[in-house]
Amino acid sequence: MDIQIRKGTIDDLSQVYALIKELAVYERAPDEVTNTLLEMERDGFGENAIYKFFVAENEDGVVGIALYYTAYSTWKGRMLFLEDLVVTEKLRRTGIGKKLFNAVAQEAKDTGAKRFKWQVLEWNEPAIAFYRKIGAALDGEWINCSLNEEQIRQYAP
């Protein structure tokens, strides 16, 4: 299988969006994707782009993505955050995910990141096993916190 890993472009977005929807189904939240292609175009390729991505591509098109962004740690400095690593279901466990992960890890090195972080669902055993295999620290100490769109609107500082 001939897989090429490359930086994503605006022309990839429709295939990227399809993989995001596929991921939502896998993560048991198919109705949670409210992002749109227009928002992805603006946020990834507009004047104030806030994310980048790598794609895994074969003769069928884009079969995997690794979407990441730069964040900042007050203690450590520049950080790369891997938001999503997705490989289409029929090609999982073929090494594509590792190639995508390696591309983002190299990007962290190339940009001088002091940390490279991501999250994994507690039931996603294949991903957890991969992260353990590469020597990643799985931190059970921190609790994830968030406000959804409606909660942000209702928040009164």
C-alpha atoms as a PDB file:
ATOM      1  CA  MET A   1       0.000   0.000   0.000  1.00  0.00           C
ATOM      2  CA  ASP A   2       1.493   3.316  -1.108  1.00  0.00           C
ATOM      3  CA  ILE A   3       0.728   5.986   1.510  1.00  0.00           C
ATOM      4  CA  GLN A   4       2.018   9.529   1.256  1.00  0.00           C
ATOM      5  CA  ILE A   5       2.059  11.872   4.260  1.00  0.00           C
ATOM      6  CA  ARG A   6       1.937  15.559   3.404  1.00  0.00           C
ATOM      7  CA  LYS A   7       0.763  18.906   4.757  1.00  0.00           C
ATOM      8  CA  GLY A   8      -2.935  19.412   4.234  1.00  0.00           C
ATOM      9  CA  THR A   9      -4.325  21.992   1.832  1.00  0.00           C
ATOM     10  CA  ILE A  10      -7.627  23.779   1.424  1.00  0.00           C
ATOM     11  CA  ASP A  11      -8.483  21.324  -1.368  1.00  0.00           C
ATOM     12  CA  ASP A  12      -8.391  18.468   1.157  1.00  0.00           C
ATOM     13  CA  LEU A  13     -11.059  19.912   3.433  1.00  0.00           C
ATOM     14  CA  SER A  14     -14.080  18.004   2.117  1.00  0.00           C
ATOM     15  CA  GLN A  15     -12.259  14.683   2.618  1.00  0.00           C
ATOM     16  CA  VAL A  16     -10.959  15.856   6.002  1.00  0.00           C
ATOM     17  CA  TYR A  17     -14.489  16.775   7.051  1.00  0.00           C
ATOM     18  CA  ALA A  18     -15.733  13.318   6.057  1.00  0.00           C
ATOM     19  CA  LEU A  19     -13.043  11.736   8.267  1.00  0.00           C
ATOM     20  CA  ILE A  20     -14.045  13.999  11.159  1.00  0.00           C
ATOM     21  CA  LYS A  21     -17.634  12.773  10.797  1.00  0.00           C
ATOM     22  CA  GLU A  22     -16.343   9.180  10.694  1.00  0.00           C
ATOM     23  CA  LEU A  23     -14.399   9.834  13.904  1.00  0.00           C
ATOM     24  CA  ALA A  24     -17.533  11.195  15.585  1.00  0.00           C
ATOM     25  CA  VAL A  25     -19.338   7.944  14.792  1.00  0.00           C
ATOM     26  CA  TYR A  26     -16.421   5.918  16.176  1.00  0.00           C
ATOM     27  CA  GLU A  27     -16.399   8.029  19.337  1.00  0.00           C
ATOM     28  CA  ARG A  28     -20.146   7.431  19.774  1.00  0.00           C
ATOM     29  CA  ALA A  29     -21.066  11.059  19.194  1.00  0.00           C
ATOM     30  CA  PRO A  30     -22.257  11.314  15.595  1.00  0.00           C
ATOM     31  CA  ASP A  31     -24.486  14.335  16.257  1.00  0.00           C
ATOM     32  CA  GLU A  32     -21.821  16.373  18.051  1.00  0.00           C
ATOM     33  CA  VAL A  33     -20.047  17.698  14.941  1.00  0.00           C
ATOM     34  CA  THR A  34     -21.379  21.221  14.469  1.00  0.00           C
ATOM     35  CA  ASN A  35     -18.336  22.601  12.687  1.00  0.00           C
ATOM     36  CA  THR A  36     -18.817  23.301   8.978  1.00  0.00           C
ATOM     37  CA  LEU A  37     -16.600  23.230   5.921  1.00  0.00           C
ATOM     38  CA  LEU A  38     -16.849  27.020   5.687  1.00  0.00           C
ATOM     39  CA  GLU A  39     -15.668  27.400   9.278  1.00  0.00           C
ATOM     40  CA  MET A  40     -12.843  24.952   8.668  1.00  0.00           C
ATOM     41  CA  GLU A  41     -11.796  26.926   5.593  1.00  0.00           C
ATOM     42  CA  ARG A  42     -11.817  30.196   7.535  1.00  0.00           C
ATOM     43  CA  ASP A  43     -10.084  28.759  10.606  1.00  0.00           C
ATOM     44  CA  GLY A  44      -7.428  26.828   8.721  1.00  0.00           C
ATOM     45  CA  PHE A  45      -6.772  29.035   5.717  1.00  0.00           C
ATOM     46  CA  GLY A  46      -8.168  32.469   6.541  1.00  0.00           C
ATOM     47  CA  GLU A  47      -6.359  35.571   7.700  1.00  0.00           C
ATOM     48  CA  ASN A  48      -6.059  34.273  11.265  1.00  0.00           C
ATOM     49  CA  ALA A  49      -5.532  30.551  10.642  1.00  0.00           C
ATOM     50  CA  ILE A  50      -5.506  28.631  13.920  1.00  0.00           C
ATOM     51  CA  TYR A  51      -4.873  25.027  12.898  1.00  0.00           C
ATOM     52  CA  LYS A  52      -2.846  22.931  10.488  1.00  0.00           C
ATOM     53  CA  PHE A  53      -3.001  19.305   9.477  1.00  0.00           C
ATOM     54  CA  PHE A  54      -1.232  16.470   7.785  1.00  0.00           C
ATOM     55  CA  VAL A  55      -2.997  14.027   5.504  1.00  0.00           C
ATOM     56  CA  ALA A  56      -2.304  10.417   4.659  1.00  0.00           C
ATOM     57  CA  GLU A  57      -3.140   9.850   1.033  1.00  0.00           C
ATOM     58  CA  ASN A  58      -3.282   6.863  -1.272  1.00  0.00           C
ATOM     59  CA  GLU A  59      -4.749   6.279  -4.718  1.00  0.00           C
ATOM     60  CA  ASP A  60      -8.259   6.557  -3.188  1.00  0.00           C
ATOM     61  CA  GLY A  61      -7.591  10.021  -1.754  1.00  0.00           C
ATOM     62  CA  VAL A  62      -7.230  11.180   1.841  1.00  0.00           C
ATOM     63  CA  VAL A  63      -7.456   8.195   4.201  1.00  0.00           C
ATOM     64  CA  GLY A  64      -6.140   9.788   7.390  1.00  0.00           C
ATOM     65  CA  ILE A  65      -5.541  13.122   9.077  1.00  0.00           C
ATOM     66  CA  ALA A  66      -3.655  14.575  12.005  1.00  0.00           C
ATOM     67  CA  LEU A  67      -5.022  18.013  12.901  1.00  0.00           C
ATOM     68  CA  TYR A  68      -2.984  20.124  15.329  1.00  0.00           C
ATOM     69  CA  TYR A  69      -2.485  23.657  16.563  1.00  0.00           C
ATOM     70  CA  THR A  70       0.037  25.669  18.521  1.00  0.00           C
ATOM     71  CA  ALA A  71      -0.789  26.388  22.147  1.00  0.00           C
ATOM     72  CA  TYR A  72       1.193  27.960  24.937  1.00  0.00           C
ATOM     73  CA  SER A  73       2.176  26.759  28.386  1.00  0.00           C
ATOM     74  CA  THR A  74       2.998  29.441  30.931  1.00  0.00           C
ATOM     75  CA  TRP A  75       5.434  27.002  32.537  1.00  0.00           C
ATOM     76  CA  LYS A  76       7.079  25.552  29.433  1.00  0.00           C
ATOM     77  CA  GLY A  77       6.358  27.807  26.458  1.00  0.00           C
ATOM     78  CA  ARG A  78       5.380  26.709  22.936  1.00  0.00           C
ATOM     79  CA  MET A  79       3.293  23.559  22.783  1.00  0.00           C
ATOM     80  CA  LEU A  80       1.784  21.573  19.943  1.00  0.00           C
ATOM     81  CA  PHE A  81      -1.637  20.081  20.618  1.00  0.00           C
ATOM     82  CA  LEU A  82      -2.808  17.175  18.470  1.00  0.00           C
ATOM     83  CA  GLU A  83      -6.567  17.643  18.278  1.00  0.00           C
ATOM     84  CA  ASP A  84      -7.452  14.630  16.152  1.00  0.00           C
ATOM     85  CA  LEU A  85      -5.664  11.682  14.617  1.00  0.00           C
ATOM     86  CA  VAL A  86      -8.029   9.794  12.327  1.00  0.00           C
ATOM     87  CA  VAL A  87      -7.540   6.910   9.935  1.00  0.00           C
ATOM     88  CA  THR A  88     -10.476   5.612   7.960  1.00  0.00           C
ATOM     89  CA  GLU A  89     -11.838   2.458   9.587  1.00  0.00           C
ATOM     90  CA  LYS A  90     -10.853  -0.032   6.883  1.00  0.00           C
ATOM     91  CA  LEU A  91      -7.193   1.062   7.062  1.00  0.00           C
ATOM     92  CA  ARG A  92      -6.727   1.220  10.830  1.00  0.00           C
ATOM     93  CA  ARG A  93      -3.855  -0.832  12.267  1.00  0.00           C
ATOM     94  CA  THR A  94      -1.840  -0.616   9.057  1.00  0.00           C
ATOM     95  CA  GLY A  95       0.729   1.889  10.343  1.00  0.00           C
ATOM     96  CA  ILE A  96      -0.887   4.985   8.845  1.00  0.00           C
ATOM     97  CA  GLY A  97      -1.707   6.436  12.259  1.00  0.00           C
ATOM     98  CA  LYS A  98       1.899   6.082  13.349  1.00  0.00           C
ATOM     99  CA  LYS A  99       3.091   7.852  10.203  1.00  0.00           C
ATOM    100  CA  LEU A 100       0.709  10.732  10.873  1.00  0.00           C
ATOM    101  CA  PHE A 101       1.719  10.874  14.539  1.00  0.00           C
ATOM    102  CA  ASN A 102       5.380  10.916  13.503  1.00  0.00           C
ATOM    103  CA  ALA A 103       4.720  13.848  11.164  1.00  0.00           C
ATOM    104  CA  VAL A 104       3.213  15.916  13.995  1.00  0.00           C
ATOM    105  CA  ALA A 105       6.009  14.892  16.382  1.00  0.00           C
ATOM    106  CA  GLN A 106       8.525  16.080  13.778  1.00  0.00           C
ATOM    107  CA  GLU A 107       6.602  19.330  13.448  1.00  0.00           C
ATOM    108  CA  ALA A 108       6.866  19.756  17.238  1.00  0.00           C
ATOM    109  CA  LYS A 109      10.628  19.312  16.957  1.00  0.00           C
ATOM    110  CA  ASP A 110      10.934  21.609  13.954  1.00  0.00           C
ATOM    111  CA  THR A 111       8.960  24.419  15.611  1.00  0.00           C
ATOM    112  CA  GLY A 112      10.771  24.203  18.943  1.00  0.00           C
ATOM    113  CA  ALA A 113       7.791  22.977  20.932  1.00  0.00           C
ATOM    114  CA  LYS A 114       8.511  22.215  24.582  1.00  0.00           C
ATOM    115  CA  ARG A 115       5.478  19.941  24.842  1.00  0.00           C
ATOM    116  CA  PHE A 116       3.436  17.784  22.502  1.00  0.00           C
ATOM    117  CA  LYS A 117       0.041  16.945  23.977  1.00  0.00           C
ATOM    118  CA  TRP A 118      -3.162  15.160  23.016  1.00  0.00           C
ATOM    119  CA  GLN A 119      -6.102  13.403  24.623  1.00  0.00           C
ATOM    120  CA  VAL A 120      -7.524   9.930  24.281  1.00  0.00           C
ATOM    121  CA  LEU A 121     -10.865   8.532  25.403  1.00  0.00           C
ATOM    122  CA  GLU A 122     -10.500   6.126  28.304  1.00  0.00           C
ATOM    123  CA  TRP A 123     -12.196   3.292  26.386  1.00  0.00           C
ATOM    124  CA  ASN A 124     -10.078   3.638  23.228  1.00  0.00           C
ATOM    125  CA  GLU A 125      -7.781   0.717  24.058  1.00  0.00           C
ATOM    126  CA  PRO A 126      -6.063   0.475  20.642  1.00  0.00           C
ATOM    127  CA  ALA A 127      -5.001   4.125  20.836  1.00  0.00           C
ATOM    128  CA  ILE A 128      -3.970   3.819  24.487  1.00  0.00           C
ATOM    129  CA  ALA A 129      -1.870   0.757  23.673  1.00  0.00           C
ATOM    130  CA  PHE A 130      -0.153   2.673  20.850  1.00  0.00           C
ATOM    131  CA  TYR A 131       0.590   5.657  23.086  1.00  0.00           C
ATOM    132  CA  ARG A 132       1.994   3.385  25.796  1.00  0.00           C
ATOM    133  CA  LYS A 133       4.129   1.586  23.216  1.00  0.00           C
ATOM    134  CA  ILE A 134       5.770   4.834  22.110  1.00  0.00           C
ATOM    135  CA  GLY A 135       6.468   5.789  25.731  1.00  0.00           C
ATOM    136  CA  ALA A 136       3.934   8.599  26.108  1.00  0.00           C
ATOM    137  CA  ALA A 137       2.916   9.656  29.608  1.00  0.00           C
ATOM    138  CA  LEU A 138      -0.771   8.992  30.228  1.00  0.00           C
ATOM    139  CA  ASP A 139      -1.749  11.446  32.929  1.00  0.00           C
ATOM    140  CA  GLY A 140      -4.702  10.501  35.124  1.00  0.00           C
ATOM    141  CA  GLU A 141      -4.249  13.529  37.374  1.00  0.00           C
ATOM    142  CA  TRP A 142      -5.748  16.298  35.232  1.00  0.00           C
ATOM    143  CA  ILE A 143      -9.489  16.718  34.722  1.00  0.00           C
ATOM    144  CA  ASN A 144     -10.675  18.060  31.365  1.00  0.00           C
ATOM    145  CA  CYS A 145     -12.949  21.096  31.677  1.00  0.00           C
ATOM    146  CA  SER A 146     -14.938  22.894  29.008  1.00  0.00           C
ATOM    147  CA  LEU A 147     -17.869  25.144  28.255  1.00  0.00           C
ATOM    148  CA  ASN A 148     -19.967  24.394  25.195  1.00  0.00           C
ATOM    149  CA  GLU A 149     -21.257  27.095  22.857  1.00  0.00           C
ATOM    150  CA  GLU A 150     -24.473  27.640  24.801  1.00  0.00           C
ATOM    151  CA  GLN A 151     -22.653  27.729  28.128  1.00  0.00           C
ATOM    152  CA  ILE A 152     -20.267  30.347  26.745  1.00  0.00           C
ATOM    153  CA  ARG A 153     -23.230  32.482  25.666  1.00  0.00           C
ATOM    154  CA  GLN A 154     -24.863  32.141  29.088  1.00  0.00           C
ATOM    155  CA  TYR A 155     -21.707  32.759  31.093  1.00  0.00           C
ATOM    156  CA  ALA A 156     -21.937  36.095  32.894  1.00  0.00           C
ATOM    157  CA  PRO A 157     -18.537  37.305  34.141  1.00  0.00           C
END
